[in-house]
Protein backbone atom coordinates (compact mmCIF):
# COMPACT_ATOMS: atom_id res chain seq x y z
CA UNK A 1 8.06 -16.32 -119.30
CA UNK A 2 5.74 -17.89 -116.76
CA UNK A 3 5.35 -15.97 -113.53
CA UNK A 4 3.38 -16.05 -110.32
CA UNK A 5 1.59 -12.77 -109.61
CA UNK A 6 0.38 -12.34 -106.03
CA UNK A 7 -3.00 -10.61 -106.15
CA UNK A 8 -4.07 -10.70 -102.50
CA UNK A 9 -2.46 -11.21 -99.11
CA UNK A 10 0.47 -9.80 -97.12
CA UNK A 11 2.77 -10.05 -100.15
CA UNK A 12 0.35 -8.53 -102.66
CA UNK A 13 2.07 -7.08 -105.71
CA UNK A 14 5.05 -9.43 -105.76
CA UNK A 15 5.87 -11.34 -108.95
CA UNK A 16 8.00 -14.47 -109.19
CA UNK A 17 9.19 -16.00 -112.48
CA UNK A 18 9.38 -19.78 -112.88
CA UNK A 19 12.01 -21.35 -115.10
CA UNK A 20 11.52 -24.63 -116.98
CA UNK A 21 12.72 -27.55 -114.88
CA UNK A 22 12.69 -25.48 -111.69
CA UNK A 23 10.78 -26.83 -108.67
CA UNK A 24 9.57 -24.02 -106.41
CA UNK A 25 8.25 -24.41 -102.89
CA UNK A 26 5.78 -21.84 -101.53
CA UNK A 27 5.09 -21.33 -97.84
CA UNK A 28 6.22 -19.56 -94.68
CA UNK A 29 9.37 -21.62 -94.16
CA UNK A 30 12.88 -20.36 -94.78
CA UNK A 31 13.56 -23.28 -97.13
CA UNK A 32 10.87 -22.06 -99.56
CA UNK A 33 11.96 -20.25 -102.70
CA UNK A 34 8.81 -18.11 -102.43
CA UNK A 35 8.50 -17.23 -98.75
CA UNK A 36 5.15 -15.71 -97.77
CA UNK A 37 4.42 -13.50 -94.76
CA UNK A 38 1.04 -15.18 -94.33
CA UNK A 39 0.46 -16.84 -90.95
CA UNK A 40 -2.39 -18.94 -92.39
CA UNK A 41 -0.04 -20.61 -94.88
CA UNK A 42 1.87 -23.78 -93.93
CA UNK A 43 5.66 -23.68 -93.71
CA UNK A 44 5.80 -25.67 -96.94
CA UNK A 45 2.35 -25.27 -98.46
CA UNK A 46 2.70 -26.29 -102.11
CA UNK A 47 5.13 -26.93 -104.93
CA UNK A 48 5.10 -25.53 -108.46
CA UNK A 49 7.20 -27.04 -111.23
CA UNK A 50 7.37 -26.67 -114.99
CA UNK A 51 7.67 -30.10 -116.59
CA UNK A 52 7.18 -30.92 -120.26
CA UNK A 53 5.78 -27.48 -120.93
CA UNK A 54 3.19 -27.64 -118.14
CA UNK A 55 2.99 -26.01 -114.73
CA UNK A 56 2.35 -28.72 -112.15
CA UNK A 57 0.91 -27.71 -108.77
CA UNK A 58 1.08 -30.11 -105.82
CA UNK A 59 -0.29 -29.43 -102.33
CA UNK A 60 2.40 -30.59 -99.88
CA UNK A 61 0.04 -31.86 -97.21
CA UNK A 62 -0.77 -28.32 -96.06
CA UNK A 63 -2.93 -27.63 -93.02
CA UNK A 64 -5.75 -25.78 -94.82
CA UNK A 65 -5.41 -27.01 -98.38
CA UNK A 66 -4.94 -25.40 -101.80
CA UNK A 67 -7.74 -23.98 -103.97
CA UNK A 68 -7.55 -23.55 -107.75
CA UNK A 69 -10.30 -21.33 -109.14
CA UNK A 70 -12.29 -22.04 -105.97
CA UNK A 71 -11.92 -25.84 -105.98
CA UNK A 72 -9.77 -27.69 -103.46
CA UNK A 73 -7.07 -29.76 -105.16
CA UNK A 74 -4.16 -31.98 -104.26
CA UNK A 75 -2.57 -31.86 -107.72
CA UNK A 76 -3.42 -29.80 -110.78
CA UNK A 77 -1.91 -28.71 -114.10
CA UNK A 78 -2.26 -24.93 -114.17
CA UNK A 79 -2.97 -22.67 -117.13
CA UNK A 80 -2.46 -18.96 -117.69
CA UNK A 81 -5.09 -17.02 -115.74
CA UNK A 82 -5.72 -19.70 -113.12
CA UNK A 83 -6.07 -18.29 -109.61
CA UNK A 84 -4.70 -20.24 -106.67
CA UNK A 85 -5.52 -19.59 -103.02
CA UNK A 86 -3.32 -20.78 -100.16
CA UNK A 87 -4.26 -19.40 -96.75
CA UNK A 88 -5.10 -15.72 -97.19
CA UNK A 89 -2.87 -15.42 -100.24
CA UNK A 90 -4.22 -15.52 -103.80
CA UNK A 91 -1.89 -15.68 -106.78
CA UNK A 92 -2.37 -15.97 -110.53
CA UNK A 93 -0.39 -17.84 -113.15
CA UNK A 94 0.64 -15.38 -115.86
CA UNK A 95 2.22 -16.15 -119.22
CA UNK A 96 4.07 -13.14 -120.59
CA UNK A 97 4.24 -14.77 -124.00
CA UNK A 98 0.46 -15.11 -124.18
CA UNK A 99 -0.23 -11.66 -122.76
CA UNK A 100 2.03 -9.88 -125.26
CA UNK A 101 0.45 -11.50 -128.33
CA UNK A 102 -1.76 -8.88 -130.00
CA UNK A 103 -3.75 -11.44 -131.96
CA UNK A 104 -4.44 -15.11 -131.40
CA UNK A 105 -5.75 -17.54 -133.97
CA UNK A 106 -9.39 -18.51 -133.42
CA UNK A 107 -9.64 -21.27 -130.85
CA UNK A 108 -6.03 -20.82 -129.74
CA UNK A 109 -5.54 -21.72 -126.09
CA UNK A 110 -3.93 -19.35 -123.66
CA UNK A 111 -2.62 -22.38 -121.85
CA UNK A 112 1.01 -22.12 -120.99
CA UNK A 113 1.55 -25.52 -122.57
CA UNK A 114 4.00 -25.24 -125.44
CA UNK A 115 4.67 -21.55 -124.85
CA UNK A 116 7.70 -21.98 -122.62
CA UNK A 117 11.01 -20.96 -124.11
CA UNK A 118 14.31 -22.40 -123.10
CA UNK A 119 16.82 -20.27 -121.23
CA UNK A 120 18.85 -19.77 -124.40
CA UNK A 121 15.79 -18.54 -126.33
CA UNK A 122 14.60 -16.00 -123.77
CA UNK A 123 15.76 -12.40 -124.01
CA UNK A 124 17.59 -11.21 -120.94
CA UNK A 125 15.75 -8.37 -119.29
CA UNK A 126 17.89 -5.75 -117.65
CA UNK A 127 17.60 -5.96 -113.90
CA UNK A 128 19.62 -5.42 -110.79
CA UNK A 129 20.13 -9.14 -110.45
CA UNK A 130 21.57 -9.47 -113.97
CA UNK A 131 24.13 -6.81 -113.14
CA UNK A 132 25.17 -8.45 -109.90
CA UNK A 133 28.32 -10.45 -109.34
CA UNK A 134 28.16 -14.06 -110.52
CA UNK A 135 29.90 -17.00 -108.88
CA UNK A 136 30.69 -20.18 -110.79
CA UNK A 137 32.49 -23.13 -109.12
CA UNK A 138 35.86 -22.61 -110.81
CA UNK A 139 35.87 -18.80 -111.00
CA UNK A 140 38.58 -18.38 -108.37
CA UNK A 141 40.70 -21.54 -108.67
CA UNK A 142 44.34 -20.58 -109.26
CA UNK A 143 43.71 -16.91 -108.43
CA UNK A 144 44.35 -14.70 -105.41
CA UNK A 145 41.50 -13.42 -103.26
CA UNK A 146 42.77 -10.86 -100.74
CA UNK A 147 45.79 -12.59 -99.16
CA UNK A 148 44.48 -16.06 -99.93
CA UNK A 149 46.01 -18.08 -102.77
CA UNK A 150 43.01 -20.05 -104.00
CA UNK A 151 43.68 -23.68 -104.85
CA UNK A 152 41.31 -26.58 -105.57
CA UNK A 153 37.52 -26.57 -105.34
CA UNK A 154 36.28 -28.40 -102.22
CA UNK A 155 32.52 -28.10 -102.58
CA UNK A 156 29.75 -26.28 -104.42
CA UNK A 157 26.56 -25.85 -102.39
CA UNK A 158 23.36 -23.83 -102.12
CA UNK A 159 25.04 -21.11 -100.08
CA UNK A 160 28.35 -20.80 -101.88
CA UNK A 161 31.59 -22.26 -103.17
CA UNK A 162 34.39 -23.52 -100.92
CA UNK A 163 38.04 -23.77 -101.95
CA UNK A 164 41.24 -24.95 -100.36
CA UNK A 165 43.50 -21.90 -100.08
CA UNK A 166 46.80 -20.76 -98.61
CA UNK A 167 46.69 -17.86 -96.16
CA UNK A 168 49.90 -16.03 -97.04
CA UNK A 169 49.74 -13.82 -93.94
CA UNK A 170 49.25 -16.58 -91.36
CA UNK A 171 51.14 -19.17 -93.45
CA UNK A 172 48.50 -21.85 -93.08
CA UNK A 173 46.09 -23.78 -95.25
CA UNK A 174 42.47 -22.69 -94.91
CA UNK A 175 39.03 -23.37 -96.36
CA UNK A 176 37.86 -20.25 -98.17
CA UNK A 177 34.11 -20.00 -98.71
CA UNK A 178 32.70 -17.43 -101.12
CA UNK A 179 28.97 -16.91 -100.70
CA UNK A 180 26.58 -16.66 -103.61
CA UNK A 181 25.39 -13.09 -104.22
CA UNK A 182 21.76 -14.24 -104.28
CA UNK A 183 22.21 -15.75 -100.80
CA UNK A 184 23.08 -12.32 -99.38
CA UNK A 185 21.21 -10.18 -101.86
CA UNK A 186 21.09 -6.81 -100.11
CA UNK A 187 23.81 -4.54 -98.78
CA UNK A 188 22.26 -4.42 -95.31
CA UNK A 189 22.26 -8.23 -95.15
CA UNK A 190 25.88 -8.37 -96.26
CA UNK A 191 26.90 -5.89 -93.58
CA UNK A 192 24.96 -7.83 -90.95
CA UNK A 193 26.64 -11.04 -92.08
CA UNK A 194 30.15 -9.61 -91.80
CA UNK A 195 29.44 -7.94 -88.46
CA UNK A 196 27.91 -11.07 -86.93
CA UNK A 197 30.59 -13.40 -88.28
CA UNK A 198 33.34 -11.26 -86.78
CA UNK A 199 31.70 -11.49 -83.35
CA UNK A 200 31.76 -15.30 -83.71
CA UNK A 201 35.47 -15.56 -84.46
CA UNK A 202 36.53 -15.68 -80.77
CA UNK A 203 34.24 -18.68 -80.12
CA UNK A 204 36.32 -21.86 -80.28
CA UNK A 205 35.56 -25.51 -79.58
CA UNK A 206 37.54 -28.63 -80.54
CA UNK A 207 34.52 -30.06 -82.36
CA UNK A 208 33.67 -26.93 -84.32
CA UNK A 209 35.40 -25.80 -87.49
CA UNK A 210 37.09 -22.58 -86.43
CA UNK A 211 36.40 -19.32 -88.25
CA UNK A 212 39.57 -17.27 -88.75
CA UNK A 213 38.24 -14.35 -90.74
CA UNK A 214 35.16 -12.99 -92.50
CA UNK A 215 34.41 -10.03 -94.70
CA UNK A 216 33.52 -8.80 -98.17
CA UNK A 217 35.66 -8.31 -101.27
CA UNK A 218 34.98 -8.13 -105.02
CA UNK A 219 31.24 -8.06 -104.34
CA UNK A 220 31.34 -11.38 -102.47
CA UNK A 221 31.04 -12.17 -98.77
CA UNK A 222 33.56 -14.71 -97.53
CA UNK A 223 34.73 -16.74 -94.57
CA UNK A 224 38.21 -18.15 -93.99
CA UNK A 225 37.99 -21.25 -91.81
CA UNK A 226 40.08 -24.05 -90.43
CA UNK A 227 41.03 -26.57 -93.11
CA UNK A 228 40.20 -30.11 -92.01
CA UNK A 229 42.31 -32.78 -93.71
CA UNK A 230 39.90 -35.68 -93.94
CA UNK A 231 36.46 -36.44 -95.32
CA UNK A 232 32.88 -35.40 -94.74
CA UNK A 233 30.21 -37.65 -93.31
CA UNK A 234 28.60 -37.47 -96.76
CA UNK A 235 31.73 -39.00 -98.30
CA UNK A 236 31.73 -41.69 -95.62
CA UNK A 237 28.13 -42.55 -96.49
CA UNK A 238 29.06 -42.84 -100.17
CA UNK A 239 31.73 -45.37 -99.22
CA UNK A 240 29.24 -47.52 -97.31
CA UNK A 241 27.64 -48.69 -100.53
CA UNK A 242 31.01 -49.84 -101.82
CA UNK A 243 32.84 -51.35 -98.86
CA UNK A 244 29.95 -52.40 -96.62
CA UNK A 245 28.66 -51.12 -93.28
CA UNK A 246 30.43 -48.44 -91.30
CA UNK A 247 31.52 -49.65 -87.86
CA UNK A 248 28.94 -48.42 -85.33
CA UNK A 249 31.78 -47.55 -82.94
CA UNK A 250 33.02 -44.92 -85.39
CA UNK A 251 29.50 -43.55 -85.69
CA UNK A 252 29.19 -43.38 -81.90
CA UNK A 253 32.39 -41.35 -81.70
CA UNK A 254 31.08 -38.91 -84.31
CA UNK A 255 27.83 -38.65 -82.34
CA UNK A 256 29.66 -37.81 -79.12
CA UNK A 257 31.88 -35.21 -80.78
CA UNK A 258 29.06 -33.39 -82.57
CA UNK A 259 26.85 -33.53 -79.46
CA UNK A 260 29.63 -31.74 -77.60
CA UNK A 261 29.60 -29.09 -80.31
CA UNK A 262 25.82 -28.72 -79.98
CA UNK A 263 26.11 -28.44 -76.21
CA UNK A 264 28.56 -25.56 -76.74
CA UNK A 265 26.20 -24.01 -79.29
CA UNK A 266 23.26 -24.12 -76.89
CA UNK A 267 25.36 -22.42 -74.21
CA UNK A 268 25.84 -19.57 -76.69
CA UNK A 269 22.18 -19.62 -77.82
CA UNK A 270 23.01 -20.73 -81.36
CA UNK A 271 20.86 -23.13 -83.39
CA UNK A 272 22.52 -24.60 -86.48
CA UNK A 273 19.29 -25.35 -88.44
CA UNK A 274 20.99 -27.26 -91.26
CA UNK A 275 23.02 -30.21 -89.97
CA UNK A 276 23.57 -32.71 -92.77
CA UNK A 277 26.36 -35.17 -93.59
CA UNK A 278 27.96 -32.40 -95.66
CA UNK A 279 28.43 -30.14 -92.62
CA UNK A 280 30.32 -32.74 -90.55
CA UNK A 281 34.01 -33.35 -91.26
CA UNK A 282 36.15 -36.13 -89.79
CA UNK A 283 39.87 -35.39 -89.47
CA UNK A 284 42.00 -38.24 -90.84
CA UNK A 285 44.87 -38.09 -88.36
CA UNK A 286 42.82 -38.62 -85.17
CA UNK A 287 39.20 -39.19 -86.33
CA UNK A 288 37.99 -36.07 -84.52
CA UNK A 289 34.60 -34.96 -85.90
CA UNK A 290 33.97 -31.26 -86.46
CA UNK A 291 30.75 -29.41 -87.25
CA UNK A 292 30.85 -26.67 -89.86
CA UNK A 293 28.60 -23.72 -90.75
CA UNK A 294 27.37 -23.36 -87.17
CA UNK A 295 27.73 -19.59 -87.14
CA UNK A 296 25.80 -19.02 -90.37
CA UNK A 297 22.48 -19.19 -88.53
CA UNK A 298 23.66 -16.41 -86.23
CA UNK A 299 25.00 -14.22 -89.03
CA UNK A 300 22.17 -14.71 -91.55
CA UNK A 301 18.47 -14.18 -90.91
CA UNK A 302 17.40 -17.52 -92.37
CA UNK A 303 13.74 -16.63 -92.08
CA UNK A 304 14.35 -13.67 -94.39
CA UNK A 305 16.34 -15.38 -97.12
CA UNK A 306 14.87 -16.68 -100.37
CA UNK A 307 17.74 -18.89 -101.44
CA UNK A 308 17.89 -20.20 -104.98
CA UNK A 309 18.08 -23.97 -104.60
CA UNK A 310 20.19 -26.04 -106.94
CA UNK A 311 18.29 -28.82 -108.69
CA UNK A 312 18.26 -31.99 -106.63
CA UNK A 313 19.95 -30.48 -103.59
CA UNK A 314 16.82 -29.42 -101.72
CA UNK A 315 15.41 -32.94 -101.61
CA UNK A 316 18.62 -34.18 -100.03
CA UNK A 317 18.55 -31.45 -97.39
CA UNK A 318 14.90 -32.09 -96.57
CA UNK A 319 15.75 -35.68 -95.63
CA UNK A 320 17.70 -34.33 -92.65
CA UNK A 321 15.29 -31.57 -91.56
CA UNK A 322 13.15 -31.91 -88.45
CA UNK A 323 9.37 -32.07 -89.05
CA UNK A 324 8.81 -28.74 -87.29
CA UNK A 325 11.14 -27.07 -89.80
CA UNK A 326 8.85 -28.14 -92.62
CA UNK A 327 5.42 -27.39 -91.20
CA UNK A 328 5.07 -25.70 -87.83
CA UNK A 329 4.47 -22.35 -86.17
CA UNK A 330 6.89 -23.28 -83.41
CA UNK A 331 10.18 -21.49 -82.97
CA UNK A 332 13.07 -23.70 -84.06
CA UNK A 333 15.38 -24.68 -81.20
CA UNK A 334 18.17 -27.12 -80.37
CA UNK A 335 15.80 -30.08 -80.68
CA UNK A 336 15.72 -29.56 -84.45
CA UNK A 337 19.52 -29.87 -84.47
CA UNK A 338 19.25 -33.05 -82.39
CA UNK A 339 16.85 -34.49 -84.98
CA UNK A 340 19.15 -33.55 -87.88
CA UNK A 341 22.14 -35.10 -86.15
CA UNK A 342 20.06 -38.23 -85.55
CA UNK A 343 19.18 -38.38 -89.26
CA UNK A 344 22.87 -38.04 -90.12
CA UNK A 345 23.84 -40.82 -87.68
CA UNK A 346 21.09 -42.99 -89.17
CA UNK A 347 22.54 -42.43 -92.65
CA UNK A 348 26.05 -43.27 -91.41
CA UNK A 349 24.76 -46.53 -89.96
CA UNK A 350 22.55 -47.60 -92.86
CA UNK A 351 23.88 -45.81 -95.92
CA UNK A 352 20.74 -43.72 -96.44
CA UNK A 353 18.70 -41.08 -94.57
CA UNK A 354 15.63 -42.08 -92.52
CA UNK A 355 13.28 -40.93 -95.28
CA UNK A 356 13.78 -40.83 -99.03
CA UNK A 357 10.93 -39.73 -101.27
CA UNK A 358 10.50 -39.90 -105.02
CA UNK A 359 10.47 -36.11 -105.09
CA UNK A 360 10.27 -33.07 -102.82
CA UNK A 361 6.60 -33.51 -101.95
CA UNK A 362 6.96 -37.21 -101.20
CA UNK A 363 10.00 -36.56 -99.00
CA UNK A 364 8.15 -33.88 -97.02
CA UNK A 365 5.17 -36.17 -96.49
CA UNK A 366 7.39 -38.98 -95.24
CA UNK A 367 9.24 -36.71 -92.80
CA UNK A 368 5.95 -35.32 -91.47
CA UNK A 369 4.00 -38.57 -91.22
CA UNK A 370 6.17 -41.69 -91.25
CA UNK A 371 8.27 -43.48 -88.64
CA UNK A 372 11.74 -44.58 -89.80
CA UNK A 373 12.64 -48.26 -89.87
CA UNK A 374 15.03 -49.37 -87.15
CA UNK A 375 18.68 -49.04 -88.22
CA UNK A 376 19.16 -52.57 -86.86
CA UNK A 377 17.09 -53.83 -89.79
CA UNK A 378 20.08 -52.90 -91.96
CA UNK A 379 22.97 -52.99 -89.49
CA UNK A 380 22.43 -55.97 -87.17
CA UNK A 381 25.50 -55.33 -84.99
CA UNK A 382 24.24 -51.99 -83.63
CA UNK A 383 23.77 -52.27 -79.84
CA UNK A 384 20.22 -51.83 -78.58
CA UNK A 385 21.29 -48.84 -76.49
CA UNK A 386 22.63 -47.00 -79.53
CA UNK A 387 19.58 -47.88 -81.60
CA UNK A 388 17.40 -46.44 -78.83
CA UNK A 389 19.38 -43.20 -78.75
CA UNK A 390 19.16 -42.67 -82.52
CA UNK A 391 15.44 -43.46 -82.66
CA UNK A 392 14.75 -41.06 -79.79
CA UNK A 393 16.63 -38.34 -81.64
CA UNK A 394 14.35 -38.99 -84.63
CA UNK A 395 11.05 -38.75 -82.73
CA UNK A 396 8.51 -36.89 -84.86
CA UNK A 397 7.31 -34.88 -81.86
CA UNK A 398 10.12 -32.78 -80.49
CA UNK A 399 8.72 -33.19 -76.99
CA UNK A 400 9.67 -36.87 -77.26
CA UNK A 401 13.26 -36.19 -78.32
CA UNK A 402 16.18 -35.29 -76.10
CA UNK A 403 15.40 -31.80 -74.85
CA UNK A 404 19.00 -30.63 -74.70
CA UNK A 405 22.33 -31.75 -76.21
CA UNK A 406 23.60 -32.39 -72.68
CA UNK A 407 20.89 -35.06 -72.17
CA UNK A 408 21.83 -36.65 -75.49
CA UNK A 409 25.52 -36.56 -74.63
CA UNK A 410 24.95 -38.39 -71.34
CA UNK A 411 23.16 -41.25 -73.09
CA UNK A 412 25.83 -41.48 -75.79
CA UNK A 413 28.62 -41.56 -73.20
CA UNK A 414 26.68 -44.16 -71.22
CA UNK A 415 26.42 -46.26 -74.39
CA UNK A 416 30.18 -45.99 -74.91
CA UNK A 417 30.92 -46.93 -71.30
CA UNK A 418 28.55 -49.90 -71.39
CA UNK A 419 30.38 -51.19 -74.47
CA UNK A 420 33.84 -50.58 -72.93
CA UNK A 421 34.69 -47.78 -75.38
CA UNK A 422 36.77 -44.73 -74.55
CA UNK A 423 36.00 -41.61 -76.57
CA UNK A 424 38.37 -38.67 -76.28
């Protein structure tokens, strides 16, 4: 197995295995699979990925660069024994297969190329993680979890699995989310999650998905939330490519509703941190938009979680993250949520996020350095006022964005009034 061994720096002594096909981000940011406590490292400093039997290193436009064996590089194929320096952290690429061979043929390379085994070939080492509870998408469908009769799978995400379920005590349909064990990997974190979630239950807002219950059972943390009969903004975006452009008036209503939710969140000092089209649901009966997962940021220390990212999902999430979430020492505040909502509105109007890269590194570079094309280039009927609001939300510098959801809400309501629209 290939692993990263940290030789020097605040996290000295830590080892991290890399699986074939897995793309790993290293840096200080909470979205990195290997999160370093090194202030001289960028939030997303570099990416490591095993492709075709080779370990590929890419510097993700870091502030101070990446050194391999003392030489500054932007991209490099790494071999066993190579030492990489990022900030004050030095790590080495180790190949357990090579190191355990007692004899090597003359001239044999210790390169990791060709030495990588598939998951099926590798022996499973006993560890605490292998003994932990596993969660597959259909594990609970058709079963009973506490007093919830679990029905169909709704979604499968980085953080957990969500099902439609019937609450037999309250006699109502709910959305039951079971969190992945690796997302809340320690007992103290699980207890903190449950305690914090329970304090959030009394907080209600018409544009937030209500939390009814939270706790832990069968080794899994869970939340029982309001079931919204409708579709997500992500599903709406998927439809755009089939049936044409989404009416900007519908997008404006979603913007107003979610801005109201963010205004409420700021009043309670809560930052969402991960607004994407998947976290916004639109109720079919009245088109009311509701924001989900708001309370996760309050119940989970996101800066302390090394979440295992599903292949392909991270790139999609990065497209909606504010630049300061990817590479900044600044504390994340409501302006990051305003950016993410702006990126979601942009995608609703155009059918795609403001930035789409070929891969993780390319996406990060675009978010950090590029300016999005005007949504009017795709959707000509968008009023100038609405275009201006969305583009201001997407300003690269957070000082140039709306500073508070209340400021954003005023401009959105002014846009509605100017276009003779009434939004409940």
